[in-house]
Every structure is written in structure tokens, then in C-alpha cells.
């Protein structure tokens, strides 16, 4: 019984993917500097996103909420507007 090349390549890709994922997970779990760097990168990205949201107009926020079908986006924008005026 002969195994096809596609099945062998597919199995090899799965094994390689699992091995790479395990290596990355191990590196993140054991290296505190790497965890700190990833955390600060994530924090920076979220801060930039919030800054952009505070700069956009109501029409853009409403349109974005409609396109993404995410009403929380518009609710967050309204909440940030209330916070900016002190409520």
C-alpha cells in the first residue's frame, strides 16, 4: 500500500507547525524579556487604536460600527467623548 506524496507532505507540514508552535510557546513561557516586549508592543498598539478613535468624527465612528456590525465601537466612542468633557 503506497501513501501519496500529498499525504506525506501534509503530515510533515502539520508536524512542522506543531513543532514551531511549541518552540515559540516555550520561548515566550521561559523568557521574561520577550514577554515584557510583547506586552509593551500590545499596549502600544491598543493605545494608538484608542487615540485614533478619539480623533475620529461621530459619522466615521457610526459608519465603522455599522460596517463591522459592532455597536460596542460606537458605544466606546460616545463614552470617550463623555470622558473628554469630564463626565
Protein backbone atom coordinates (compact mmCIF):
# COMPACT_ATOMS: atom_id res chain seq x y z
CA UNK A 1 0.00 0.00 0.00
CA UNK A 2 1.53 3.28 -1.12
CA UNK A 3 0.97 6.56 0.67
CA UNK A 4 0.55 9.52 -1.64
CA UNK A 5 3.01 12.39 -1.70
CA UNK A 6 0.29 14.87 -0.73
CA UNK A 7 -0.47 12.98 2.49
CA UNK A 8 3.21 12.78 3.42
CA UNK A 9 3.72 16.50 2.73
CA UNK A 10 0.55 17.36 4.64
CA UNK A 11 1.60 15.31 7.65
CA UNK A 12 5.07 16.87 7.52
CA UNK A 13 3.56 20.37 7.48
CA UNK A 14 1.38 19.53 10.48
CA UNK A 15 4.33 18.15 12.43
CA UNK A 16 6.45 21.18 11.49
CA UNK A 17 3.67 23.58 12.50
CA UNK A 18 3.20 21.89 15.88
CA UNK A 19 6.96 21.89 16.50
CA UNK A 20 7.27 25.58 15.61
CA UNK A 21 4.29 26.46 17.79
CA UNK A 22 5.75 24.53 20.70
CA UNK A 23 9.13 26.24 20.27
CA UNK A 24 7.55 29.70 20.19
CA UNK A 25 5.35 28.87 23.20
CA UNK A 26 8.35 27.60 25.15
CA UNK A 27 10.37 30.70 24.27
CA UNK A 28 7.56 33.00 25.43
CA UNK A 29 6.99 31.00 28.61
CA UNK A 30 10.64 30.96 29.65
CA UNK A 31 11.90 34.38 28.52
CA UNK A 32 10.62 37.22 30.70
CA UNK A 33 12.23 39.88 28.49
CA UNK A 34 10.32 38.55 25.49
CA UNK A 35 7.05 38.57 27.45
CA UNK A 36 7.72 42.16 28.52
CA UNK A 37 8.49 43.20 24.93
CA UNK A 38 5.33 41.55 23.62
CA UNK A 39 3.28 43.17 26.40
CA UNK A 40 4.63 46.64 25.68
CA UNK A 41 4.08 46.16 21.94
CA UNK A 42 0.48 45.12 22.57
CA UNK A 43 -0.05 48.04 24.94
CA UNK A 44 1.32 50.47 22.32
CA UNK A 45 -0.94 49.11 19.61
CA UNK A 46 -4.02 49.39 21.83
CA UNK A 47 -3.07 52.94 22.85
CA UNK A 48 -2.68 54.02 19.21
CA UNK A 49 -6.05 52.48 18.41
CA UNK A 50 -7.73 54.37 21.26
CA UNK A 51 -6.02 57.60 20.20
CA UNK A 52 -7.30 57.19 16.65
CA UNK A 53 -10.79 56.51 17.95
CA UNK A 54 -10.76 59.72 19.98
CA UNK A 55 -9.78 61.73 16.89
CA UNK A 56 -12.50 60.46 14.58
CA UNK A 57 -15.80 62.18 13.98
CA UNK A 58 -19.17 60.84 15.04
CA UNK A 59 -20.06 60.00 11.43
CA UNK A 60 -16.92 57.90 10.99
CA UNK A 61 -17.50 56.11 14.30
CA UNK A 62 -21.11 55.36 13.37
CA UNK A 63 -20.11 54.14 9.90
CA UNK A 64 -17.35 51.93 11.34
CA UNK A 65 -19.80 50.44 13.85
CA UNK A 66 -22.28 49.70 11.05
CA UNK A 67 -19.68 48.20 8.70
CA UNK A 68 -18.15 45.99 11.38
CA UNK A 69 -21.57 45.21 12.89
CA UNK A 70 -20.09 46.07 16.26
CA UNK A 71 -22.25 48.51 18.23
CA UNK A 72 -19.69 48.49 21.04
CA UNK A 73 -17.38 50.51 18.80
CA UNK A 74 -19.87 53.38 18.70
CA UNK A 75 -20.62 53.00 22.43
CA UNK A 76 -16.90 53.25 23.22
CA UNK A 77 -16.62 56.36 21.07
CA UNK A 78 -19.55 58.01 22.88
CA UNK A 79 -18.08 57.05 26.26
CA UNK A 80 -14.73 58.56 25.29
CA UNK A 81 -16.49 61.78 24.28
CA UNK A 82 -18.20 61.98 27.68
CA UNK A 83 -14.89 61.34 29.41
CA UNK A 84 -13.20 64.09 27.39
CA UNK A 85 -15.66 66.69 28.71
CA UNK A 86 -15.36 65.47 32.30
CA UNK A 87 -18.37 63.19 32.89
